[in-house]
Amino acid sequence: VTMDFGCLKNGYCSDMTRTVAIGSATDEMKNVYDVVLRAQL
C-alpha cells in the first residue's frame, strides 16, 4: 500500500510518502524496497 499525502499549516505544505506491506512481502518486494531506500539515502 502506497500512501502519498500532506496537509497545510499556516498555509504551508507538508508532503510524504510511505509504502507498507500487508501481512507479508516477497523477496522481490523487499529487494525493490531496499533499492528505493538506498537511492533515497
PDB file of all heavy atoms in Angstrom:
ATOM      1  N   VAL A   1       0.868  -1.178   0.000  1.00  0.00           N
ATOM      2  CA  VAL A   1       0.000   0.000   0.000  1.00  0.00           C
ATOM      3  C   VAL A   1       0.904   1.227   0.000  1.00  0.00           C
ATOM      4  O   VAL A   1       1.781   1.360   0.867  1.00  0.00           O
ATOM      5  CB  VAL A   1      -0.928   0.042   1.235  1.00  0.00           C
ATOM      6  CG1 VAL A   1      -1.751   1.343   1.232  1.00  0.00           C
ATOM      7  CG2 VAL A   1      -1.849  -1.171   1.265  1.00  0.00           C
ATOM      8  N   THR A   2       0.724   2.095  -0.989  1.00  0.00           N
ATOM      9  CA  THR A   2       1.491   3.341  -1.060  1.00  0.00           C
ATOM     10  C   THR A   2       0.578   4.491  -0.686  1.00  0.00           C
ATOM     11  O   THR A   2      -0.516   4.639  -1.243  1.00  0.00           O
ATOM     12  CB  THR A   2       2.071   3.556  -2.461  1.00  0.00           C
ATOM     13  OG1 THR A   2       3.011   2.526  -2.747  1.00  0.00           O
ATOM     14  CG2 THR A   2       2.779   4.902  -2.548  1.00  0.00           C
ATOM     15  N   MET A   3       1.039   5.320   0.251  1.00  0.00           N
ATOM     16  CA  MET A   3       0.290   6.486   0.713  1.00  0.00           C
ATOM     17  C   MET A   3       1.140   7.735   0.535  1.00  0.00           C
ATOM     18  O   MET A   3       2.206   7.862   1.145  1.00  0.00           O
ATOM     19  CB  MET A   3      -0.097   6.319   2.188  1.00  0.00           C
ATOM     20  CG  MET A   3      -1.034   5.161   2.459  1.00  0.00           C
ATOM     21  SD  MET A   3      -1.209   4.803   4.238  1.00  0.00           S
ATOM     22  CE  MET A   3       0.389   4.002   4.563  1.00  0.00           C
ATOM     23  N   ASP A   4       0.701   8.639  -0.324  1.00  0.00           N
ATOM     24  CA  ASP A   4       1.380   9.911  -0.600  1.00  0.00           C
ATOM     25  C   ASP A   4       0.396  11.008  -0.216  1.00  0.00           C
ATOM     26  O   ASP A   4      -0.667  11.125  -0.824  1.00  0.00           O
ATOM     27  CB  ASP A   4       1.752   9.979  -2.082  1.00  0.00           C
ATOM     28  CG  ASP A   4       2.590  11.204  -2.434  1.00  0.00           C
ATOM     29  OD1 ASP A   4       2.670  12.133  -1.611  1.00  0.00           O
ATOM     30  OD2 ASP A   4       3.154  11.225  -3.547  1.00  0.00           O
ATOM     31  N   PHE A   5       0.747  11.828   0.770  1.00  0.00           N
ATOM     32  CA  PHE A   5      -0.234  12.759   1.324  1.00  0.00           C
ATOM     33  C   PHE A   5       0.473  13.907   2.028  1.00  0.00           C
ATOM     34  O   PHE A   5       1.692  13.870   2.266  1.00  0.00           O
ATOM     35  CB  PHE A   5      -1.164  12.035   2.303  1.00  0.00           C
ATOM     36  CG  PHE A   5      -0.442  11.417   3.474  1.00  0.00           C
ATOM     37  CD1 PHE A   5      -0.435  12.046   4.712  1.00  0.00           C
ATOM     38  CD2 PHE A   5       0.250  10.210   3.347  1.00  0.00           C
ATOM     39  CE1 PHE A   5       0.248  11.485   5.791  1.00  0.00           C
ATOM     40  CE2 PHE A   5       0.928   9.649   4.411  1.00  0.00           C
ATOM     41  CZ  PHE A   5       0.927  10.292   5.642  1.00  0.00           C
ATOM     42  N   GLY A   6      -0.286  14.925   2.358  1.00  0.00           N
ATOM     43  CA  GLY A   6       0.255  16.058   3.094  1.00  0.00           C
ATOM     44  C   GLY A   6      -0.861  16.985   3.499  1.00  0.00           C
ATOM     45  O   GLY A   6      -2.007  16.853   3.057  1.00  0.00           O
ATOM     46  N   CYS A   7      -0.528  17.960   4.346  1.00  0.00           N
ATOM     47  CA  CYS A   7      -1.540  18.885   4.843  1.00  0.00           C
ATOM     48  C   CYS A   7      -0.990  20.302   4.845  1.00  0.00           C
ATOM     49  O   CYS A   7       0.181  20.548   4.511  1.00  0.00           O
ATOM     50  CB  CYS A   7      -1.997  18.482   6.239  1.00  0.00           C
ATOM     51  SG  CYS A   7      -0.763  18.728   7.532  1.00  0.00           S
ATOM     52  N   LEU A   8      -1.851  21.242   5.224  1.00  0.00           N
ATOM     53  CA  LEU A   8      -1.499  22.655   5.309  1.00  0.00           C
ATOM     54  C   LEU A   8      -1.517  23.123   6.757  1.00  0.00           C
ATOM     55  O   LEU A   8      -2.414  22.764   7.524  1.00  0.00           O
ATOM     56  CB  LEU A   8      -2.501  23.496   4.519  1.00  0.00           C
ATOM     57  CG  LEU A   8      -2.567  23.274   3.009  1.00  0.00           C
ATOM     58  CD1 LEU A   8      -3.771  24.009   2.430  1.00  0.00           C
ATOM     59  CD2 LEU A   8      -1.287  23.725   2.334  1.00  0.00           C
ATOM     60  N   LYS A   9      -0.510  23.925   7.104  1.00  0.00           N
ATOM     61  CA  LYS A   9      -0.489  24.608   8.393  1.00  0.00           C
ATOM     62  C   LYS A   9       0.019  26.022   8.149  1.00  0.00           C
ATOM     63  O   LYS A   9       1.104  26.215   7.603  1.00  0.00           O
ATOM     64  CB  LYS A   9       0.406  23.866   9.395  1.00  0.00           C
ATOM     65  CG  LYS A   9       0.260  24.376  10.811  1.00  0.00           C
ATOM     66  CD  LYS A   9      -1.125  24.087  11.380  1.00  0.00           C
ATOM     67  CE  LYS A   9      -1.268  24.498  12.833  1.00  0.00           C
ATOM     68  NZ  LYS A   9      -2.635  24.242  13.344  1.00  0.00           N
ATOM     69  N   ASN A  10      -0.789  27.007   8.542  1.00  0.00           N
ATOM     70  CA  ASN A  10      -0.476  28.406   8.256  1.00  0.00           C
ATOM     71  C   ASN A  10      -0.245  28.633   6.762  1.00  0.00           C
ATOM     72  O   ASN A  10       0.536  29.496   6.365  1.00  0.00           O
ATOM     73  CB  ASN A  10       0.747  28.868   9.054  1.00  0.00           C
ATOM     74  CG  ASN A  10       0.568  28.709  10.548  1.00  0.00           C
ATOM     75  OD1 ASN A  10      -0.516  28.954  11.085  1.00  0.00           O
ATOM     76  ND2 ASN A  10       1.605  28.262  11.235  1.00  0.00           N
ATOM     77  N   GLY A  11      -0.933  27.830   5.951  1.00  0.00           N
ATOM     78  CA  GLY A  11      -0.826  27.965   4.505  1.00  0.00           C
ATOM     79  C   GLY A  11       0.318  27.197   3.872  1.00  0.00           C
ATOM     80  O   GLY A  11       0.407  27.125   2.644  1.00  0.00           O
ATOM     81  N   TYR A  12       1.183  26.594   4.677  1.00  0.00           N
ATOM     82  CA  TYR A  12       2.367  25.904   4.160  1.00  0.00           C
ATOM     83  C   TYR A  12       2.168  24.392   4.136  1.00  0.00           C
ATOM     84  O   TYR A  12       1.472  23.835   4.979  1.00  0.00           O
ATOM     85  CB  TYR A  12       3.601  26.283   4.982  1.00  0.00           C
ATOM     86  CG  TYR A  12       4.068  27.692   4.654  1.00  0.00           C
ATOM     87  CD1 TYR A  12       3.483  28.792   5.270  1.00  0.00           C
ATOM     88  CD2 TYR A  12       5.057  27.913   3.704  1.00  0.00           C
ATOM     89  CE1 TYR A  12       3.878  30.089   4.947  1.00  0.00           C
ATOM     90  CE2 TYR A  12       5.464  29.206   3.380  1.00  0.00           C
ATOM     91  CZ  TYR A  12       4.875  30.285   4.000  1.00  0.00           C
ATOM     92  OH  TYR A  12       5.258  31.559   3.670  1.00  0.00           O
ATOM     93  N   CYS A  13       2.819  23.752   3.164  1.00  0.00           N
ATOM     94  CA  CYS A  13       2.562  22.348   2.838  1.00  0.00           C
ATOM     95  C   CYS A  13       3.506  21.377   3.532  1.00  0.00           C
ATOM     96  O   CYS A  13       4.684  21.683   3.760  1.00  0.00           O
ATOM     97  CB  CYS A  13       2.728  22.124   1.333  1.00  0.00           C
ATOM     98  SG  CYS A  13       1.607  23.081   0.296  1.00  0.00           S
ATOM     99  N   SER A  14       2.990  20.206   3.799  1.00  0.00           N
ATOM    100  CA  SER A  14       3.825  19.029   4.067  1.00  0.00           C
ATOM    101  C   SER A  14       3.619  18.047   2.930  1.00  0.00           C
ATOM    102  O   SER A  14       2.648  18.138   2.175  1.00  0.00           O
ATOM    103  CB  SER A  14       3.481  18.383   5.405  1.00  0.00           C
ATOM    104  OG  SER A  14       2.167  17.841   5.382  1.00  0.00           O
ATOM    105  N   ASP A  15       4.534  17.081   2.822  1.00  0.00           N
ATOM    106  CA  ASP A  15       4.459  16.085   1.753  1.00  0.00           C
ATOM    107  C   ASP A  15       5.264  14.877   2.199  1.00  0.00           C
ATOM    108  O   ASP A  15       6.420  15.016   2.618  1.00  0.00           O
ATOM    109  CB  ASP A  15       5.043  16.671   0.461  1.00  0.00           C
ATOM    110  CG  ASP A  15       4.733  15.833  -0.764  1.00  0.00           C
ATOM    111  OD1 ASP A  15       3.998  14.837  -0.648  1.00  0.00           O
ATOM    112  OD2 ASP A  15       5.231  16.191  -1.859  1.00  0.00           O
ATOM    113  N   MET A  16       4.661  13.707   2.139  1.00  0.00           N
ATOM    114  CA  MET A  16       5.396  12.493   2.489  1.00  0.00           C
ATOM    115  C   MET A  16       4.769  11.295   1.809  1.00  0.00           C
ATOM    116  O   MET A  16       3.585  11.296   1.462  1.00  0.00           O
ATOM    117  CB  MET A  16       5.420  12.278   4.005  1.00  0.00           C
ATOM    118  CG  MET A  16       4.072  11.974   4.644  1.00  0.00           C
ATOM    119  SD  MET A  16       4.165  11.780   6.447  1.00  0.00           S
ATOM    120  CE  MET A  16       5.287  10.392   6.618  1.00  0.00           C
ATOM    121  N   THR A  17       5.580  10.272   1.589  1.00  0.00           N
ATOM    122  CA  THR A  17       5.090   9.008   1.033  1.00  0.00           C
ATOM    123  C   THR A  17       5.685   7.862   1.816  1.00  0.00           C
ATOM    124  O   THR A  17       6.887   7.854   2.110  1.00  0.00           O
ATOM    125  CB  THR A  17       5.482   8.847  -0.451  1.00  0.00           C
ATOM    126  OG1 THR A  17       5.052   9.985  -1.188  1.00  0.00           O
ATOM    127  CG2 THR A  17       4.851   7.590  -1.045  1.00  0.00           C
ATOM    128  N   ARG A  18       4.847   6.897   2.135  1.00  0.00           N
ATOM    129  CA  ARG A  18       5.313   5.653   2.712  1.00  0.00           C
ATOM    130  C   ARG A  18       4.635   4.493   1.993  1.00  0.00           C
ATOM    131  O   ARG A  18       3.450   4.545   1.662  1.00  0.00           O
ATOM    132  CB  ARG A  18       5.000   5.589   4.221  1.00  0.00           C
ATOM    133  CG  ARG A  18       5.850   6.526   5.070  1.00  0.00           C
ATOM    134  CD  ARG A  18       7.307   6.152   5.017  1.00  0.00           C
ATOM    135  NE  ARG A  18       8.152   6.964   5.879  1.00  0.00           N
ATOM    136  CZ  ARG A  18       8.819   8.048   5.480  1.00  0.00           C
ATOM    137  NH1 ARG A  18       8.703   8.448   4.213  1.00  0.00           N
ATOM    138  NH2 ARG A  18       9.596   8.708   6.305  1.00  0.00           N
ATOM    139  N   THR A  19       5.415   3.448   1.740  1.00  0.00           N
ATOM    140  CA  THR A  19       4.913   2.208   1.160  1.00  0.00           C
ATOM    141  C   THR A  19       5.062   1.118   2.211  1.00  0.00           C
ATOM    142  O   THR A  19       6.164   0.918   2.749  1.00  0.00           O
ATOM    143  CB  THR A  19       5.701   1.831  -0.111  1.00  0.00           C
ATOM    144  OG1 THR A  19       5.575   2.887  -1.076  1.00  0.00           O
ATOM    145  CG2 THR A  19       5.170   0.533  -0.712  1.00  0.00           C
ATOM    146  N   VAL A  20       3.971   0.459   2.544  1.00  0.00           N
ATOM    147  CA  VAL A  20       3.983  -0.592   3.564  1.00  0.00           C
ATOM    148  C   VAL A  20       3.412  -1.867   2.964  1.00  0.00           C
ATOM    149  O   VAL A  20       2.708  -1.839   1.953  1.00  0.00           O
ATOM    150  CB  VAL A  20       3.165  -0.177   4.811  1.00  0.00           C
ATOM    151  CG1 VAL A  20       3.721   1.097   5.425  1.00  0.00           C
ATOM    152  CG2 VAL A  20       1.689   0.011   4.458  1.00  0.00           C
ATOM    153  N   ALA A  21       3.749  -2.992   3.578  1.00  0.00           N
ATOM    154  CA  ALA A  21       3.234  -4.292   3.135  1.00  0.00           C
ATOM    155  C   ALA A  21       2.182  -4.791   4.125  1.00  0.00           C
ATOM    156  O   ALA A  21       2.291  -4.550   5.338  1.00  0.00           O
ATOM    157  CB  ALA A  21       4.365  -5.300   3.014  1.00  0.00           C
ATOM    158  N   ILE A  22       1.194  -5.480   3.601  1.00  0.00           N
ATOM    159  CA  ILE A  22       0.105  -6.007   4.431  1.00  0.00           C
ATOM    160  C   ILE A  22       0.323  -7.505   4.637  1.00  0.00           C
ATOM    161  O   ILE A  22       0.217  -8.303   3.707  1.00  0.00           O
ATOM    162  CB  ILE A  22      -1.260  -5.763   3.766  1.00  0.00           C
ATOM    163  CG1 ILE A  22      -1.453  -4.288   3.437  1.00  0.00           C
ATOM    164  CG2 ILE A  22      -2.382  -6.280   4.662  1.00  0.00           C
ATOM    165  CD1 ILE A  22      -1.452  -3.371   4.635  1.00  0.00           C
ATOM    166  N   GLY A  23       0.674  -7.880   5.855  1.00  0.00           N
ATOM    167  CA  GLY A  23       0.809  -9.291   6.208  1.00  0.00           C
ATOM    168  C   GLY A  23       2.147  -9.900   5.859  1.00  0.00           C
ATOM    169  O   GLY A  23       2.771 -10.558   6.694  1.00  0.00           O
ATOM    170  N   SER A  24       2.606  -9.705   4.639  1.00  0.00           N
ATOM    171  CA  SER A  24       3.869 -10.310   4.211  1.00  0.00           C
ATOM    172  C   SER A  24       4.367  -9.585   2.968  1.00  0.00           C
ATOM    173  O   SER A  24       3.637  -8.825   2.344  1.00  0.00           O
ATOM    174  CB  SER A  24       3.684 -11.798   3.898  1.00  0.00           C
ATOM    175  OG  SER A  24       2.788 -11.962   2.804  1.00  0.00           O
ATOM    176  N   ALA A  25       5.635  -9.828   2.644  1.00  0.00           N
ATOM    177  CA  ALA A  25       6.225  -9.276   1.427  1.00  0.00           C
ATOM    178  C   ALA A  25       7.149 -10.318   0.833  1.00  0.00           C
ATOM    179  O   ALA A  25       7.895 -11.006   1.560  1.00  0.00           O
ATOM    180  CB  ALA A  25       6.994  -7.992   1.730  1.00  0.00           C
ATOM    181  N   THR A  26       7.134 -10.472  -0.482  1.00  0.00           N
ATOM    182  CA  THR A  26       8.023 -11.420  -1.145  1.00  0.00           C
ATOM    183  C   THR A  26       9.450 -10.892  -1.133  1.00  0.00           C
ATOM    184  O   THR A  26       9.703  -9.713  -0.881  1.00  0.00           O
ATOM    185  CB  THR A  26       7.582 -11.641  -2.599  1.00  0.00           C
ATOM    186  OG1 THR A  26       7.757 -10.407  -3.325  1.00  0.00           O
ATOM    187  CG2 THR A  26       6.133 -12.096  -2.682  1.00  0.00           C
ATOM    188  N   ASP A  27      10.391 -11.753  -1.434  1.00  0.00           N
ATOM    189  CA  ASP A  27      11.786 -11.328  -1.520  1.00  0.00           C
ATOM    190  C   ASP A  27      11.962 -10.244  -2.585  1.00  0.00           C
ATOM    191  O   ASP A  27      12.755  -9.312  -2.408  1.00  0.00           O
ATOM    192  CB  ASP A  27      12.687 -12.526  -1.839  1.00  0.00           C
ATOM    193  CG  ASP A  27      12.819 -13.481  -0.665  1.00  0.00           C
ATOM    194  OD1 ASP A  27      12.507 -13.075   0.482  1.00  0.00           O
ATOM    195  OD2 ASP A  27      13.230 -14.645  -0.885  1.00  0.00           O
ATOM    196  N   GLU A  28      11.224 -10.368  -3.687  1.00  0.00           N
ATOM    197  CA  GLU A  28      11.324  -9.359  -4.741  1.00  0.00           C
ATOM    198  C   GLU A  28      10.821  -8.004  -4.247  1.00  0.00           C
ATOM    199  O   GLU A  28      11.440  -6.960  -4.507  1.00  0.00           O
ATOM    200  CB  GLU A  28      10.524  -9.787  -5.968  1.00  0.00           C
ATOM    201  CG  GLU A  28      10.630  -8.794  -7.128  1.00  0.00           C
ATOM    202  CD  GLU A  28       9.754  -9.168  -8.301  1.00  0.00           C
ATOM    203  OE1 GLU A  28       8.718  -9.818  -8.100  1.00  0.00           O
ATOM    204  OE2 GLU A  28      10.103  -8.780  -9.439  1.00  0.00           O
ATOM    205  N   MET A  29       9.716  -8.011  -3.530  1.00  0.00           N
ATOM    206  CA  MET A  29       9.192  -6.766  -2.988  1.00  0.00           C
ATOM    207  C   MET A  29      10.184  -6.136  -2.022  1.00  0.00           C
ATOM    208  O   MET A  29      10.430  -4.919  -2.053  1.00  0.00           O
ATOM    209  CB  MET A  29       7.847  -7.019  -2.294  1.00  0.00           C
ATOM    210  CG  MET A  29       6.722  -7.409  -3.246  1.00  0.00           C
ATOM    211  SD  MET A  29       5.277  -8.133  -2.398  1.00  0.00           S
ATOM    212  CE  MET A  29       4.610  -6.703  -1.526  1.00  0.00           C
ATOM    213  N   LYS A  30      10.777  -6.960  -1.173  1.00  0.00           N
ATOM    214  CA  LYS A  30      11.765  -6.458  -0.220  1.00  0.00           C
ATOM    215  C   LYS A  30      12.982  -5.896  -0.936  1.00  0.00           C
ATOM    216  O   LYS A  30      13.542  -4.871  -0.529  1.00  0.00           O
ATOM    217  CB  LYS A  30      12.182  -7.569   0.746  1.00  0.00           C
ATOM    218  CG  LYS A  30      11.088  -8.011   1.695  1.00  0.00           C
ATOM    219  CD  LYS A  30      11.559  -9.185   2.562  1.00  0.00           C
ATOM    220  CE  LYS A  30      10.471  -9.678   3.497  1.00  0.00           C
ATOM    221  NZ  LYS A  30      10.921 -10.856   4.299  1.00  0.00           N
ATOM    222  N   ASN A  31      13.421  -6.530  -1.999  1.00  0.00           N
ATOM    223  CA  ASN A  31      14.585  -6.068  -2.745  1.00  0.00           C
ATOM    224  C   ASN A  31      14.321  -4.710  -3.388  1.00  0.00           C
ATOM    225  O   ASN A  31      15.158  -3.798  -3.312  1.00  0.00           O
ATOM    226  CB  ASN A  31      14.965  -7.081  -3.824  1.00  0.00           C
ATOM    227  CG  ASN A  31      16.127  -6.604  -4.675  1.00  0.00           C
ATOM    228  OD1 ASN A  31      17.192  -6.266  -4.157  1.00  0.00           O
ATOM    229  ND2 ASN A  31      15.929  -6.547  -5.984  1.00  0.00           N
ATOM    230  N   VAL A  32      13.152  -4.585  -4.038  1.00  0.00           N
ATOM    231  CA  VAL A  32      12.812  -3.305  -4.665  1.00  0.00           C
ATOM    232  C   VAL A  32      12.737  -2.202  -3.607  1.00  0.00           C
ATOM    233  O   VAL A  32      13.243  -1.091  -3.809  1.00  0.00           O
ATOM    234  CB  VAL A  32      11.488  -3.422  -5.451  1.00  0.00           C
ATOM    235  CG1 VAL A  32      11.010  -2.041  -5.903  1.00  0.00           C
ATOM    236  CG2 VAL A  32      11.668  -4.338  -6.654  1.00  0.00           C
ATOM    237  N   TYR A  33      12.132  -2.506  -2.483  1.00  0.00           N
ATOM    238  CA  TYR A  33      12.037  -1.523  -1.411  1.00  0.00           C
ATOM    239  C   TYR A  33      13.436  -1.088  -0.964  1.00  0.00           C
ATOM    240  O   TYR A  33      13.702   0.116  -0.789  1.00  0.00           O
ATOM    241  CB  TYR A  33      11.259  -2.091  -0.228  1.00  0.00           C
ATOM    242  CG  TYR A  33      10.855  -1.036   0.777  1.00  0.00           C
ATOM    243  CD1 TYR A  33       9.576  -0.494   0.763  1.00  0.00           C
ATOM    244  CD2 TYR A  33      11.753  -0.574   1.731  1.00  0.00           C
ATOM    245  CE1 TYR A  33       9.202   0.495   1.677  1.00  0.00           C
ATOM    246  CE2 TYR A  33      11.407   0.409   2.638  1.00  0.00           C
ATOM    247  CZ  TYR A  33      10.125   0.941   2.600  1.00  0.00           C
ATOM    248  OH  TYR A  33       9.769   1.924   3.498  1.00  0.00           O
ATOM    249  N   ASP A  34      14.322  -2.049  -0.806  1.00  0.00           N
ATOM    250  CA  ASP A  34      15.682  -1.753  -0.358  1.00  0.00           C
ATOM    251  C   ASP A  34      16.415  -0.867  -1.361  1.00  0.00           C
ATOM    252  O   ASP A  34      17.139   0.060  -0.965  1.00  0.00           O
ATOM    253  CB  ASP A  34      16.454  -3.060  -0.147  1.00  0.00           C
ATOM    254  CG  ASP A  34      17.895  -2.816   0.273  1.00  0.00           C
ATOM    255  OD1 ASP A  34      18.108  -2.320   1.404  1.00  0.00           O
ATOM    256  OD2 ASP A  34      18.811  -3.104  -0.532  1.00  0.00           O
ATOM    257  N   VAL A  35      16.228  -1.123  -2.649  1.00  0.00           N
ATOM    258  CA  VAL A  35      16.879  -0.314  -3.680  1.00  0.00           C
ATOM    259  C   VAL A  35      16.371   1.129  -3.615  1.00  0.00           C
ATOM    260  O   VAL A  35      17.158   2.086  -3.681  1.00  0.00           O
ATOM    261  CB  VAL A  35      16.645  -0.908  -5.084  1.00  0.00           C
ATOM    262  CG1 VAL A  35      17.166   0.041  -6.160  1.00  0.00           C
ATOM    263  CG2 VAL A  35      17.326  -2.265  -5.209  1.00  0.00           C
ATOM    264  N   VAL A  36      15.061   1.294  -3.470  1.00  0.00           N
ATOM    265  CA  VAL A  36      14.494   2.644  -3.388  1.00  0.00           C
ATOM    266  C   VAL A  36      15.021   3.379  -2.159  1.00  0.00           C
ATOM    267  O   VAL A  36      15.385   4.565  -2.230  1.00  0.00           O
ATOM    268  CB  VAL A  36      12.953   2.591  -3.379  1.00  0.00           C
ATOM    269  CG1 VAL A  36      12.362   3.977  -3.104  1.00  0.00           C
ATOM    270  CG2 VAL A  36      12.430   2.055  -4.704  1.00  0.00           C
ATOM    271  N   LEU A  37      15.082   2.688  -1.040  1.00  0.00           N
ATOM    272  CA  LEU A  37      15.585   3.322   0.184  1.00  0.00           C
ATOM    273  C   LEU A  37      17.045   3.723   0.024  1.00  0.00           C
ATOM    274  O   LEU A  37      17.442   4.842   0.404  1.00  0.00           O
ATOM    275  CB  LEU A  37      15.405   2.378   1.375  1.00  0.00           C
ATOM    276  CG  LEU A  37      15.899   2.909   2.729  1.00  0.00           C
ATOM    277  CD1 LEU A  37      15.253   4.247   3.078  1.00  0.00           C
ATOM    278  CD2 LEU A  37      15.623   1.881   3.823  1.00  0.00           C
ATOM    279  N   ARG A  38      17.857   2.848  -0.546  1.00  0.00           N
ATOM    280  CA  ARG A  38      19.269   3.191  -0.749  1.00  0.00           C
ATOM    281  C   ARG A  38      19.424   4.354  -1.722  1.00  0.00           C
ATOM    282  O   ARG A  38      20.304   5.214  -1.550  1.00  0.00           O
ATOM    283  CB  ARG A  38      20.041   1.969  -1.254  1.00  0.00           C
ATOM    284  CG  ARG A  38      20.246   0.899  -0.189  1.00  0.00           C
ATOM    285  CD  ARG A  38      21.242  -0.164  -0.599  1.00  0.00           C
ATOM    286  NE  ARG A  38      20.740  -1.047  -1.648  1.00  0.00           N
ATOM    287  CZ  ARG A  38      21.193  -1.067  -2.884  1.00  0.00           C
ATOM    288  NH1 ARG A  38      22.185  -0.237  -3.249  1.00  0.00           N
ATOM    289  NH2 ARG A  38      20.691  -1.913  -3.775  1.00  0.00           N
ATOM    290  N   ALA A  39      18.566   4.407  -2.730  1.00  0.00           N
ATOM    291  CA  ALA A  39      18.605   5.520  -3.673  1.00  0.00           C
ATOM    292  C   ALA A  39      18.237   6.832  -2.990  1.00  0.00           C
ATOM    293  O   ALA A  39      18.869   7.882  -3.220  1.00  0.00           O
ATOM    294  CB  ALA A  39      17.659   5.252  -4.843  1.00  0.00           C
ATOM    295  N   GLN A  40      17.219   6.782  -2.153  1.00  0.00           N
ATOM    296  CA  GLN A  40      16.821   7.997  -1.453  1.00  0.00           C
ATOM    297  C   GLN A  40      17.952   8.505  -0.558  1.00  0.00           C
ATOM    298  O   GLN A  40      18.274   9.690  -0.534  1.00  0.00           O
ATOM    299  CB  GLN A  40      15.566   7.751  -0.623  1.00  0.00           C
ATOM    300  CG  GLN A  40      14.931   9.059  -0.142  1.00  0.00           C
ATOM    301  CD  GLN A  40      14.271   8.949   1.210  1.00  0.00           C
ATOM    302  OE1 GLN A  40      14.735   8.223   2.087  1.00  0.00           O
ATOM    303  NE2 GLN A  40      13.189   9.690   1.398  1.00  0.00           N
ATOM    304  N   LEU A  41      18.568   7.594   0.184  1.00  0.00           N
ATOM    305  CA  LEU A  41      19.663   7.988   1.080  1.00  0.00           C
ATOM    306  C   LEU A  41      20.843   8.559   0.294  1.00  0.00           C
ATOM    307  O   LEU A  41      21.488   9.510   0.754  1.00  0.00           O
ATOM    308  CB  LEU A  41      20.098   6.791   1.916  1.00  0.00           C
ATOM    309  CG  LEU A  41      19.048   6.266   2.914  1.00  0.00           C
ATOM    310  CD1 LEU A  41      19.526   4.977   3.568  1.00  0.00           C
ATOM    311  CD2 LEU A  41      18.728   7.318   3.962  1.00  0.00           C
TER     312      LEU A  41
END
